[in-house]
Protein backbone atom coordinates (compact mmCIF):
# COMPACT_ATOMS: atom_id res chain seq x y z
CA MET A 1 -19.69 -13.98 0.21
CA LEU A 2 -18.15 -13.74 -3.24
CA SER A 3 -14.84 -15.44 -2.37
CA LYS A 4 -16.77 -18.42 -0.96
CA LYS A 5 -18.76 -18.71 -4.19
CA ILE A 6 -15.53 -18.70 -6.19
CA ARG A 7 -13.98 -21.25 -3.82
CA LYS A 8 -17.00 -23.50 -4.38
CA ILE A 9 -16.74 -23.18 -8.18
CA ILE A 10 -13.01 -24.00 -8.12
CA SER A 11 -13.61 -26.99 -5.81
CA GLU A 12 -16.24 -28.32 -8.23
CA ALA A 13 -13.75 -27.93 -11.08
CA ILE A 14 -11.12 -29.89 -9.12
CA ALA A 15 -13.63 -32.64 -8.31
CA ASN A 16 -14.54 -33.03 -11.97
CA LEU A 17 -10.98 -32.84 -13.25
CA TYR A 18 -9.05 -34.74 -10.58
CA GLY A 19 -11.57 -36.49 -8.32
CA LYS A 20 -13.58 -35.59 -5.21
CA ASP A 21 -10.74 -36.54 -2.85
CA LEU A 22 -8.81 -33.44 -3.92
CA SER A 23 -11.76 -31.02 -3.93
CA ASN A 24 -11.33 -30.19 -0.21
CA ILE A 25 -7.75 -28.93 -0.46
CA GLU A 26 -7.01 -25.49 0.99
CA PHE A 27 -6.09 -22.74 -1.45
CA GLN A 28 -6.10 -18.94 -1.47
CA VAL A 29 -8.57 -16.68 -3.24
CA GLU A 30 -7.01 -13.22 -3.33
CA ARG A 31 -7.60 -9.82 -4.83
CA PRO A 32 -4.67 -9.03 -7.16
CA ARG A 33 -2.73 -5.86 -6.45
CA VAL A 34 -3.16 -4.80 -10.08
CA ARG A 35 -6.75 -4.87 -11.35
CA GLU A 36 -5.59 -5.72 -14.88
CA HIS A 37 -4.61 -9.14 -13.48
CA GLY A 38 -8.23 -9.97 -12.72
CA ASP A 39 -10.82 -9.53 -10.00
CA PHE A 40 -9.50 -12.54 -8.09
CA ALA A 41 -6.49 -14.84 -8.37
CA VAL A 42 -6.15 -18.37 -7.00
CA ASN A 43 -3.02 -20.40 -6.24
CA VAL A 44 -4.79 -23.77 -6.49
CA ALA A 45 -2.50 -25.06 -9.29
CA PHE A 46 0.56 -24.83 -7.03
CA ILE A 47 -1.20 -26.77 -4.25
CA LEU A 48 -2.38 -29.46 -6.67
CA SER A 49 1.02 -29.78 -8.35
CA LYS A 50 2.48 -31.27 -5.16
CA LYS A 51 -0.33 -33.81 -4.95
CA LEU A 52 -0.51 -34.66 -8.64
CA LYS A 53 3.21 -34.26 -9.30
CA GLN A 54 2.45 -32.20 -12.39
CA ASN A 55 3.59 -28.81 -13.66
CA PRO A 56 1.41 -26.08 -12.02
CA ARG A 57 1.03 -24.18 -15.29
CA LYS A 58 -0.38 -27.33 -16.96
CA ILE A 59 -2.85 -27.76 -14.08
CA GLY A 60 -3.74 -24.07 -14.28
CA SER A 61 -4.41 -24.42 -18.02
CA ASP A 62 -6.73 -27.40 -17.40
CA ILE A 63 -8.67 -25.45 -14.76
CA VAL A 64 -8.93 -22.42 -17.05
CA LYS A 65 -10.27 -24.57 -19.88
CA TYR A 66 -12.88 -26.04 -17.53
CA LEU A 67 -13.97 -22.62 -16.19
CA GLU A 68 -14.29 -21.00 -19.61
CA THR A 69 -17.88 -22.27 -19.87
CA SER A 70 -18.89 -20.80 -16.49
CA SER A 71 -21.33 -17.89 -16.58
CA TYR A 72 -19.62 -16.46 -13.49
CA PHE A 73 -16.51 -15.33 -15.40
CA SER A 74 -16.05 -13.09 -18.40
CA LYS A 75 -12.47 -14.29 -18.76
CA VAL A 76 -10.06 -16.75 -17.09
CA GLU A 77 -6.35 -17.04 -17.73
CA VAL A 78 -3.16 -18.65 -16.48
CA ALA A 79 -0.53 -16.17 -15.34
CA GLY A 80 3.15 -16.63 -14.56
CA PRO A 81 4.12 -20.08 -13.28
CA GLY A 82 0.51 -21.13 -12.67
CA PHE A 83 -1.73 -18.53 -11.05
CA VAL A 84 -5.32 -18.65 -12.26
CA ASN A 85 -6.70 -15.14 -12.80
CA LEU A 86 -10.46 -14.71 -12.74
CA PHE A 87 -12.41 -11.85 -14.31
CA LEU A 88 -15.97 -11.73 -12.99
CA SER A 89 -18.94 -11.60 -15.34
CA SER A 90 -21.65 -8.97 -15.06
CA GLU A 91 -24.04 -11.77 -14.09
CA ILE A 92 -22.26 -12.67 -10.84
CA LEU A 93 -21.82 -8.97 -10.00
CA HIS A 94 -25.52 -8.33 -10.56
CA ASP A 95 -26.29 -11.25 -8.23
CA GLU A 96 -24.06 -9.69 -5.60
CA LEU A 97 -25.80 -6.30 -5.81
CA ARG A 98 -29.16 -8.06 -5.47
CA GLU A 99 -27.88 -9.66 -2.25
CA ILE A 100 -26.78 -6.30 -0.87
CA LEU A 101 -30.18 -4.79 -1.60
CA LEU A 102 -31.95 -7.82 -0.13
CA PHE A 103 -29.96 -8.16 3.10
CA GLY A 104 -29.27 -4.48 3.75
CA GLU A 105 -27.16 -3.90 6.86
CA ASN A 106 -26.98 -7.69 7.37
CA TYR A 107 -25.16 -8.17 4.05
CA ALA A 108 -21.72 -8.58 5.66
CA GLN A 109 -22.91 -10.85 8.46
CA VAL A 110 -20.45 -13.76 8.57
CA ASP A 111 -20.44 -16.78 10.86
CA ILE A 112 -16.75 -17.54 11.51
CA TYR A 113 -17.23 -17.12 15.29
CA LYS A 114 -20.81 -18.34 15.55
CA GLY A 115 -21.45 -19.89 18.97
CA MET A 116 -18.26 -18.47 20.50
CA LYS A 117 -18.37 -16.48 23.71
CA ILE A 118 -15.60 -13.86 23.51
CA GLN A 119 -14.63 -11.24 26.06
CA VAL A 120 -12.79 -8.11 24.94
CA GLU A 121 -11.15 -6.23 27.83
CA PHE A 122 -9.87 -2.79 26.89
CA VAL A 123 -9.06 0.73 28.12
CA SER A 124 -8.94 -0.35 31.81
CA ALA A 125 -7.47 3.02 32.80
CA ASN A 126 -6.49 3.54 36.44
CA PRO A 127 -9.32 5.54 38.08
CA VAL A 128 -6.93 8.16 39.43
CA GLY A 129 -7.24 10.83 36.74
CA PRO A 130 -8.44 11.73 33.23
CA MET A 131 -7.88 9.43 30.27
CA HIS A 132 -4.97 10.23 27.99
CA ILE A 133 -4.92 10.00 24.18
CA GLY A 134 -3.59 6.43 24.22
CA HIS A 135 -6.65 5.33 26.20
CA GLY A 136 -8.78 6.85 23.45
CA ARG A 137 -7.02 4.86 20.76
CA TRP A 138 -7.66 1.60 22.64
CA ALA A 139 -11.26 2.61 23.33
CA ALA A 140 -11.91 3.15 19.61
CA TYR A 141 -9.96 0.06 18.60
CA GLY A 142 -11.44 -2.24 21.26
CA ASP A 143 -15.01 -1.23 20.56
CA THR A 144 -14.52 -1.52 16.78
CA LEU A 145 -12.98 -4.98 17.17
CA ALA A 146 -15.91 -6.01 19.40
CA ARG A 147 -18.34 -4.84 16.71
CA MET A 148 -16.41 -6.80 14.06
CA LEU A 149 -16.51 -9.95 16.18
CA GLU A 150 -20.25 -9.54 16.71
CA LYS A 151 -20.68 -9.08 12.96
CA SER A 152 -18.78 -12.38 12.64
CA GLY A 153 -21.24 -14.26 14.85
CA ALA A 154 -19.58 -14.05 18.28
CA ASP A 155 -21.35 -13.35 21.56
CA VAL A 156 -19.13 -10.49 22.75
CA THR A 157 -18.76 -8.99 26.23
CA ARG A 158 -16.98 -5.64 26.52
CA GLU A 159 -15.23 -5.31 29.86
CA PHE A 160 -13.38 -2.54 31.71
CA TYR A 161 -11.08 -3.71 34.52
CA ILE A 162 -10.98 -1.10 37.26
CA ASN A 163 -7.60 -1.01 39.03
CA ASP A 164 -9.11 0.18 42.30
CA ALA A 165 -6.81 -1.71 44.70
CA GLY A 166 -3.19 -1.28 45.68
CA ARG A 167 -0.86 1.51 46.62
CA GLN A 168 -1.77 3.87 43.74
CA MET A 169 -5.27 4.23 45.22
CA ASP A 170 -3.80 5.17 48.63
CA ILE A 171 -1.55 7.80 47.03
CA PHE A 172 -4.44 9.14 44.97
CA ALA A 173 -6.75 9.42 47.98
CA GLU A 174 -4.07 11.20 50.01
CA SER A 175 -3.34 13.61 47.13
CA VAL A 176 -6.99 14.61 46.84
CA ALA A 177 -7.35 14.84 50.64
CA CYS A 178 -4.41 17.27 50.73
CA ARG A 179 -5.84 19.52 48.01
CA TYR A 180 -9.29 19.41 49.62
CA SER A 181 -7.80 20.37 53.00
CA GLU A 182 -5.94 23.29 51.38
CA LEU A 183 -9.26 24.69 50.15
CA PHE A 184 -10.30 25.09 53.80
CA GLY A 185 -7.03 26.55 55.07
CA GLU A 186 -5.20 23.42 56.21
CA LYS A 187 -1.83 22.55 54.68
CA PRO A 188 -0.99 18.90 55.34
CA GLU A 189 2.31 17.59 53.95
CA PHE A 190 1.81 16.52 50.35
CA PRO A 191 2.99 12.94 49.68
CA GLU A 192 6.32 12.67 47.86
CA GLU A 193 4.81 10.26 45.29
CA GLY A 194 1.53 12.20 45.13
CA TYR A 195 -0.42 13.06 41.99
CA ARG A 196 0.35 16.72 41.29
CA GLY A 197 -1.76 17.37 38.20
CA HIS A 198 -4.27 20.20 38.03
CA TYR A 199 -7.06 17.63 37.79
CA ILE A 200 -6.45 16.67 41.46
CA VAL A 201 -7.36 20.24 42.44
CA GLU A 202 -10.46 20.03 40.23
CA ILE A 203 -11.55 16.80 41.94
CA ALA A 204 -10.99 18.40 45.36
CA ARG A 205 -13.09 21.43 44.32
CA GLU A 206 -15.83 19.14 43.01
CA ILE A 207 -15.94 17.38 46.37
CA ALA A 208 -16.00 20.74 48.19
CA ASP A 209 -18.85 21.97 45.96
CA LYS A 210 -20.86 18.84 46.67
CA TYR A 211 -20.09 18.24 50.37
CA GLY A 212 -18.79 21.60 51.63
CA ASP A 213 -16.48 21.30 54.66
CA GLU A 214 -18.16 18.10 55.86
CA PHE A 215 -14.91 16.10 55.64
CA MET A 216 -12.98 18.72 57.63
CA LYS A 217 -14.86 17.55 60.74
CA ILE A 218 -12.85 14.31 60.81
CA ASN A 219 -9.12 13.83 61.20
CA PHE A 220 -6.86 13.66 58.15
CA GLU A 221 -6.27 9.89 58.35
CA GLU A 222 -10.01 9.19 58.27
CA ARG A 223 -10.39 11.75 55.50
CA LYS A 224 -7.85 9.86 53.37
CA GLN A 225 -9.71 6.59 53.84
CA LEU A 226 -13.05 8.11 52.90
CA PHE A 227 -11.59 9.77 49.83
CA LYS A 228 -10.55 6.36 48.50
CA ASP A 229 -14.22 5.91 47.66
CA VAL A 230 -15.48 9.46 47.23
CA ALA A 231 -12.76 10.69 44.85
CA TYR A 232 -12.45 7.36 43.05
CA LYS A 233 -16.18 7.25 42.27
CA MET A 234 -16.04 10.78 40.87
CA VAL A 235 -13.17 9.86 38.54
CA LEU A 236 -14.91 6.66 37.47
CA GLU A 237 -18.10 8.52 36.63
CA HIS A 238 -16.05 10.98 34.58
CA LEU A 239 -14.38 8.10 32.68
CA LYS A 240 -17.79 6.64 31.89
CA LYS A 241 -19.07 10.02 30.72
CA VAL A 242 -16.13 10.53 28.31
CA LEU A 243 -16.41 6.98 26.94
CA ASN A 244 -20.16 7.42 26.43
CA LYS A 245 -19.43 10.55 24.38
CA MET A 246 -17.20 8.34 22.21
CA ASP A 247 -20.08 5.87 21.86
CA VAL A 248 -18.01 3.27 23.72
CA ARG A 249 -20.08 1.36 26.25
CA PHE A 250 -19.06 -1.55 28.47
CA ASP A 251 -21.16 -4.52 29.51
CA VAL A 252 -19.07 -5.13 32.64
CA TRP A 253 -17.10 -2.80 34.93
CA PHE A 254 -15.01 -5.25 36.94
CA SER A 255 -13.55 -4.02 40.23
CA GLU A 256 -10.12 -5.34 41.23
CA ARG A 257 -11.12 -4.88 44.88
CA THR A 258 -13.70 -7.65 44.54
CA LEU A 259 -10.90 -10.12 43.74
CA HIS A 260 -9.10 -9.25 46.98
CA GLU A 261 -12.28 -9.28 49.07
CA SER A 262 -13.57 -12.60 47.70
CA GLY A 263 -10.42 -14.63 48.39
CA LYS A 264 -9.83 -15.27 44.68
CA LEU A 265 -6.13 -14.41 44.93
CA GLU A 266 -5.62 -17.18 47.50
CA GLN A 267 -7.66 -19.50 45.27
CA ALA A 268 -5.35 -18.71 42.32
CA VAL A 269 -2.22 -19.58 44.35
CA LYS A 270 -3.83 -22.81 45.49
CA MET A 271 -4.78 -23.82 41.92
CA LEU A 272 -1.23 -23.23 40.65
CA GLU A 273 0.25 -24.97 43.68
CA GLU A 274 -1.89 -28.05 43.11
CA LYS A 275 -0.52 -28.24 39.59
CA GLY A 276 3.06 -28.06 40.90
CA PHE A 277 4.00 -24.61 39.59
CA VAL A 278 4.48 -22.76 42.89
CA TYR A 279 7.47 -22.67 45.25
CA ARG A 280 8.69 -20.56 48.17
CA LYS A 281 12.01 -18.74 48.28
CA ASP A 282 13.39 -15.84 50.37
CA GLY A 283 10.05 -15.55 52.15
CA ALA A 284 8.15 -14.94 48.88
CA VAL A 285 5.81 -17.17 46.85
CA TRP A 286 6.95 -17.76 43.26
CA PHE A 287 5.37 -19.06 40.02
CA ARG A 288 7.50 -21.30 37.78
CA SER A 289 6.82 -19.29 34.61
CA THR A 290 10.15 -20.43 33.10
CA ASP A 291 8.52 -23.86 32.62
CA PHE A 292 6.48 -22.16 29.87
CA GLY A 293 9.21 -20.14 28.16
CA ASP A 294 9.24 -16.98 30.31
CA GLU A 295 12.71 -15.50 30.88
CA LYS A 296 12.47 -15.85 34.69
CA ASP A 297 10.12 -17.04 37.42
CA ARG A 298 7.69 -14.48 38.80
CA VAL A 299 6.70 -13.45 42.33
CA LEU A 300 3.07 -14.00 43.32
CA ILE A 301 3.29 -12.90 46.96
CA ARG A 302 6.09 -10.65 48.21
CA SER A 303 8.13 -11.45 51.31
CA ASN A 304 6.06 -8.85 53.24
CA GLY A 305 2.89 -10.81 52.46
CA GLU A 306 1.60 -8.35 49.84
CA PRO A 307 0.22 -9.90 46.62
CA THR A 308 1.66 -8.69 43.32
CA TYR A 309 -0.38 -7.21 40.47
CA PHE A 310 0.55 -10.36 38.56
CA LEU A 311 -1.29 -12.55 41.06
CA ALA A 312 -4.34 -10.27 40.86
CA ASP A 313 -4.28 -10.56 37.07
CA ILE A 314 -4.09 -14.37 37.24
CA ALA A 315 -7.08 -14.40 39.61
CA TYR A 316 -8.94 -12.06 37.26
CA HIS A 317 -8.37 -14.36 34.29
CA ILE A 318 -9.44 -17.40 36.30
CA ASP A 319 -12.65 -15.49 36.97
CA LYS A 320 -13.01 -14.87 33.22
CA LYS A 321 -12.64 -18.58 32.52
CA GLU A 322 -15.17 -19.45 35.21
CA ARG A 323 -17.67 -17.07 33.59
CA GLY A 324 -17.62 -19.33 30.54
CA PHE A 325 -15.69 -17.33 27.95
CA ASP A 326 -14.21 -19.43 25.15
CA LYS A 327 -11.65 -16.73 24.43
CA VAL A 328 -10.51 -13.53 26.08
CA ILE A 329 -8.80 -10.70 24.22
CA ASP A 330 -6.85 -8.15 26.28
CA ILE A 331 -5.81 -4.87 24.67
CA TRP A 332 -2.78 -3.34 26.40
CA GLY A 333 -0.47 -0.40 25.82
CA ALA A 334 3.12 -0.78 24.59
CA ASP A 335 4.49 -0.44 28.14
CA HIS A 336 2.96 -3.84 28.99
CA HIS A 337 4.79 -5.73 26.24
CA GLY A 338 7.10 -7.56 28.66
CA TYR A 339 4.13 -8.64 30.76
CA VAL A 340 2.62 -10.88 28.09
CA PRO A 341 4.82 -14.01 28.42
CA ARG A 342 4.13 -14.41 32.15
CA MET A 343 0.36 -14.06 31.63
CA VAL A 344 0.38 -16.58 28.78
CA ALA A 345 2.49 -18.89 30.97
CA SER A 346 0.00 -18.68 33.84
CA MET A 347 -2.90 -19.60 31.55
CA GLN A 348 -1.00 -22.60 30.22
CA ALA A 349 -0.11 -23.68 33.75
CA LEU A 350 -3.80 -23.62 34.66
CA GLY A 351 -4.54 -25.83 31.66
CA TYR A 352 -6.41 -23.17 29.68
CA GLY A 353 -4.13 -23.55 26.65
CA LYS A 354 -2.48 -21.00 24.39
CA GLU A 355 -5.67 -20.08 22.54
CA PHE A 356 -7.67 -18.92 25.57
CA LEU A 357 -5.81 -15.64 26.15
CA GLU A 358 -4.90 -13.31 23.30
CA VAL A 359 -3.07 -10.08 24.08
CA ILE A 360 -2.98 -7.23 21.58
CA ILE A 361 -0.23 -4.69 22.21
CA GLY A 362 -0.76 -1.27 20.74
CA GLN A 363 1.57 1.64 20.17
CA MET A 364 1.00 5.19 21.33
CA VAL A 365 -0.32 8.34 19.65
CA ASN A 366 1.60 11.47 18.62
CA LEU A 367 -0.51 14.61 18.37
CA LEU A 368 0.46 17.00 15.59
CA SER A 369 -0.64 20.51 14.71
CA GLY A 370 0.94 22.51 11.92
CA GLY A 371 3.20 19.52 11.35
CA LYS A 372 4.70 19.86 14.83
CA PRO A 373 4.19 17.75 17.97
CA VAL A 374 1.64 19.02 20.50
CA ARG A 375 2.05 17.80 24.05
CA MET A 376 0.57 20.38 26.38
CA SER A 377 -2.97 21.65 26.80
CA LYS A 378 -3.36 25.42 26.43
CA ARG A 379 -6.02 25.29 29.13
CA THR A 380 -4.09 23.49 31.87
CA GLY A 381 -0.46 23.50 30.73
CA GLU A 382 -0.45 19.72 31.23
CA MET A 383 -1.05 16.71 28.99
CA ILE A 384 -3.91 16.96 26.50
CA THR A 385 -6.67 14.67 27.71
CA LEU A 386 -8.88 12.46 25.58
CA GLU A 387 -11.88 14.63 26.44
CA GLU A 388 -10.11 17.80 25.22
CA LEU A 389 -9.13 16.18 21.92
CA MET A 390 -12.69 14.94 21.37
CA GLU A 391 -14.04 18.45 22.02
CA GLU A 392 -11.54 19.76 19.48
CA VAL A 393 -12.16 17.36 16.56
CA GLY A 394 -15.46 15.59 17.34
CA LYS A 395 -16.29 11.96 18.04
CA ASP A 396 -16.45 10.82 14.40
CA ALA A 397 -13.01 12.08 13.38
CA LEU A 398 -11.57 10.85 16.67
CA ARG A 399 -12.77 7.28 16.16
CA PHE A 400 -12.01 7.11 12.44
CA PHE A 401 -8.45 8.39 12.88
CA PHE A 402 -7.78 6.14 15.88
CA VAL A 403 -8.56 2.96 13.91
CA SER A 404 -7.03 4.06 10.60
CA LYS A 405 -3.61 2.56 11.28
CA SER A 406 -2.36 -0.83 12.50
CA THR A 407 -2.02 -1.16 16.28
CA ASP A 408 1.61 -2.21 15.65
CA SER A 409 2.44 1.33 14.52
CA THR A 410 2.61 4.62 16.35
CA LEU A 411 -0.25 6.82 15.17
CA ASP A 412 0.41 10.41 14.12
CA PHE A 413 -2.87 12.21 14.80
CA ASP A 414 -3.06 15.44 12.80
CA ILE A 415 -5.46 17.70 14.72
CA ASP A 416 -5.69 20.24 11.88
CA LEU A 417 -6.60 17.55 9.35
CA ALA A 418 -9.16 15.97 11.70
CA ARG A 419 -10.87 19.36 12.09
CA GLU A 420 -10.84 20.20 8.39
CA GLN A 421 -14.20 20.21 6.62
CA SER A 422 -12.82 19.18 3.25
CA GLN A 423 -12.15 16.10 1.19
CA LYS A 424 -8.56 16.04 2.48
CA ASN A 425 -10.01 14.75 5.74
CA PRO A 426 -10.65 11.00 5.19
CA VAL A 427 -13.66 10.72 7.50
CA TYR A 428 -15.23 13.82 5.95
CA TYR A 429 -14.49 12.36 2.50
CA VAL A 430 -16.37 9.13 3.30
CA GLN A 431 -19.26 10.86 5.08
CA TYR A 432 -19.59 13.34 2.20
CA ALA A 433 -19.98 10.43 -0.24
CA HIS A 434 -22.80 9.04 1.92
CA ALA A 435 -24.50 12.44 2.15
CA ARG A 436 -24.18 12.97 -1.61
CA ILE A 437 -25.90 9.61 -2.27
CA CYS A 438 -28.74 10.59 0.06
CA SER A 439 -29.06 13.89 -1.80
CA ILE A 440 -29.27 12.11 -5.18
CA ILE A 441 -31.95 9.73 -3.89
CA ARG A 442 -33.97 12.65 -2.47
CA LYS A 443 -33.73 14.49 -5.79
CA ALA A 444 -34.84 11.37 -7.70
CA GLU A 445 -37.88 10.94 -5.46
CA GLU A 446 -38.78 14.62 -5.85
CA GLU A 447 -38.78 14.03 -9.61
CA GLY A 448 -41.06 11.02 -9.15
CA LEU A 449 -38.32 8.47 -9.75
CA LYS A 450 -38.78 6.06 -6.86
CA VAL A 451 -37.54 2.48 -7.16
CA ASN A 452 -39.74 -0.27 -5.70
CA LYS A 453 -38.40 -3.50 -4.20
CA ASP A 454 -39.89 -5.56 -7.01
CA GLU A 455 -37.77 -3.63 -9.53
CA VAL A 456 -34.49 -5.07 -8.23
CA GLU A 457 -34.05 -7.04 -11.47
CA LEU A 458 -33.24 -3.75 -13.15
CA VAL A 459 -29.68 -4.16 -11.87
CA LYS A 460 -29.01 -6.18 -15.06
CA GLU A 461 -29.05 -2.81 -16.87
CA LEU A 462 -25.75 -1.98 -15.17
CA ASN A 463 -23.02 -2.90 -17.65
CA LEU A 464 -20.73 0.12 -17.87
CA ALA A 465 -17.19 -0.47 -16.58
CA GLU A 466 -17.70 2.21 -13.92
CA GLU A 467 -20.89 0.53 -12.70
CA LEU A 468 -19.40 -2.96 -12.59
CA ASP A 469 -16.24 -1.70 -10.87
CA LEU A 470 -18.38 -0.17 -8.14
CA ILE A 471 -20.36 -3.40 -7.65
CA TYR A 472 -17.11 -5.36 -7.53
CA LEU A 473 -15.81 -3.14 -4.75
CA LEU A 474 -19.09 -3.49 -2.84
CA SER A 475 -18.75 -7.28 -3.09
CA LEU A 476 -15.45 -7.10 -1.18
CA PHE A 477 -17.13 -5.74 1.95
CA PRO A 478 -17.88 -9.11 3.64
CA GLU A 479 -14.30 -10.27 2.99
CA THR A 480 -13.02 -7.02 4.51
CA VAL A 481 -15.08 -7.56 7.66
CA GLU A 482 -13.91 -11.17 7.92
CA VAL A 483 -10.24 -10.21 7.50
CA CYS A 484 -10.60 -7.51 10.18
CA ALA A 485 -12.21 -9.94 12.61
CA LYS A 486 -9.74 -12.78 11.95
CA THR A 487 -6.52 -10.77 11.94
CA ARG A 488 -7.68 -8.12 14.49
CA ASP A 489 -6.36 -5.53 12.01
CA VAL A 490 -9.44 -3.32 11.92
CA HIS A 491 -7.61 -0.57 9.98
CA HIS A 492 -8.49 -2.45 6.79
CA LEU A 493 -12.09 -1.21 7.11
CA PRO A 494 -11.43 2.56 7.07
CA SER A 495 -9.03 1.94 4.14
CA TYR A 496 -11.79 0.06 2.33
CA LEU A 497 -14.33 2.84 3.00
CA ILE A 498 -11.95 5.49 1.65
CA GLU A 499 -11.46 3.40 -1.51
CA LEU A 500 -15.23 2.93 -1.85
CA ALA A 501 -15.84 6.67 -1.42
CA SER A 502 -13.17 7.43 -4.03
CA ASN A 503 -14.71 4.93 -6.42
CA PHE A 504 -18.16 6.40 -5.92
CA HIS A 505 -16.98 10.00 -6.41
CA SER A 506 -15.25 8.90 -9.64
CA PHE A 507 -18.39 7.07 -10.79
CA TYR A 508 -20.52 10.15 -10.06
CA GLN A 509 -18.23 12.36 -12.15
CA LYS A 510 -18.42 10.03 -15.17
CA VAL A 511 -21.94 8.58 -15.06
CA ARG A 512 -25.19 10.51 -14.83
CA VAL A 513 -27.41 8.78 -12.28
CA ILE A 514 -30.68 10.51 -13.15
CA GLY A 515 -30.95 10.62 -16.94
CA GLU A 516 -33.48 10.35 -19.74
CA ASP A 517 -33.59 6.53 -19.72
CA GLU A 518 -35.88 5.56 -16.81
CA LYS A 519 -34.65 1.96 -16.60
CA LYS A 520 -31.01 3.02 -16.49
CA SER A 521 -31.79 5.73 -13.92
CA LYS A 522 -33.61 3.30 -11.65
CA ALA A 523 -30.80 0.76 -12.01
CA ARG A 524 -28.25 3.38 -10.99
CA ILE A 525 -30.40 4.41 -8.02
CA LEU A 526 -30.37 0.76 -6.95
CA LEU A 527 -26.58 0.78 -7.32
CA ILE A 528 -26.03 3.89 -5.20
CA ASN A 529 -28.46 2.50 -2.63
CA GLY A 530 -26.13 -0.48 -2.41
CA VAL A 531 -23.18 1.86 -1.90
CA LYS A 532 -25.14 3.75 0.78
CA THR A 533 -25.94 0.50 2.61
CA VAL A 534 -22.36 -0.76 2.64
CA MET A 535 -20.96 2.65 3.53
CA SER A 536 -23.32 3.23 6.48
CA THR A 537 -22.80 -0.34 7.74
CA GLY A 538 -19.02 0.09 7.54
CA LEU A 539 -19.08 3.46 9.30
CA SER A 540 -21.33 1.98 12.00
CA LEU A 541 -18.76 -0.77 12.66
CA ILE A 542 -16.19 1.96 13.33
CA GLY A 543 -18.67 3.86 15.51
CA VAL A 544 -18.92 6.77 13.07
CA SER A 545 -22.17 8.42 11.98
CA SER A 546 -23.56 8.40 8.42
CA PRO A 547 -24.91 11.90 7.80
CA GLU A 548 -27.62 12.37 5.19
CA ARG A 549 -26.84 16.05 4.76
CA MET A 550 -23.54 17.94 4.93
């Protein structure tokens, strides 16, 4: 990774100038906002000034003087009160391109989480109906984050928590049983809290198509109980089918029912009680979450003996810990924001520490068409489902758009733009760049211009500003992956890919890849191969395809 190489060079400079004791200090290596200020800037002079009690600009000048002999930099300078700006030499950029060509799709493999066992739990939609657009955003985000963590060395488990226990399952089963009964002429009273969406009728029809009137031979109460499993399994299979179409696959589908059946809720109460964080009041069992900064204590078991969802969630996270995860990351919707402090409190009470559980709260999605909000499906007159949107815009646009903005922000999803087959559409723009590179390489091979692996040294022929700028941008890919994995802000990757595509398109307009000079042509083919590698690897991390023809 280029930033690590620079960090090493700066540390060596510090050791030689000020002694080895100071060479391990932490400092930042950043990409300046304005390219004219260098390829990288470091704040090391400010950090050293506190230790050496010297003016940072003087320290910066000393470091610059030392680095002027380095073959890695074409220019070094002190800027402002003491920033050290670094301009990379063609030599270090050529080295970086060689690495890309050597390692291929493994070029951005980093090891910041090597040896860590991380669980990412996401989507976890209630199995009582189709997934909405928000579920799709968390599916795309969760899977992309999991891929980033794997690229960073972690052993990742993707998990879907199935909320298949509790009152909502009873209401769902009764709702389907009513609609099923209506298909055969019976009209039982529909529950006041029942699910009234058109999809309930569709589920009932699906059951009727598969089983006929078989369930009409038993009384309605028995029918309701059976439908808890029959209807629920149908919905779950549909959820899996939609997620598979998105190329989102889970390693574990964890059933909430198993927690209740295995006695793990009682075990959770006992564990908290043994640690002194449980008390009884007004017939209910309470957790002292205020001991850990929560605004009020929370009920674990209601006065009627029914466990709360909170208790089930504590038991679930105990199970996660017992499965050996070093860290668990939960991705929840904005409506769960107030739930975070009590969950963090419960983990601390159990002695798991603040670092064990990380909760990412995401905002919702607004669908737009023609610049106006779209809320209803033309087909059903109800909410637009994730499946409908995917049918409308395709899996690639869906995933790219869903991860293109920070989870902290509401996402405006422009359906018209996502459908558009033009360079206005960012995913099309990036994919088109990849396809164009493949086309150039095919053309070169047809003309007998094929580059062998042993010709990689030809990259030293690349010295035009446009060529070096492109290599520089390629060299930022590992840092981009690392930042995404560390900060969980995966939107930096689609932004990077758009910038890379723009840079390539600009390069292609100004520089002729296949020309009269064979060495130059081969060198440029090596360069665009590097772009192709980084682009396809980046798109793969987002779960988007890399077409070779468009």
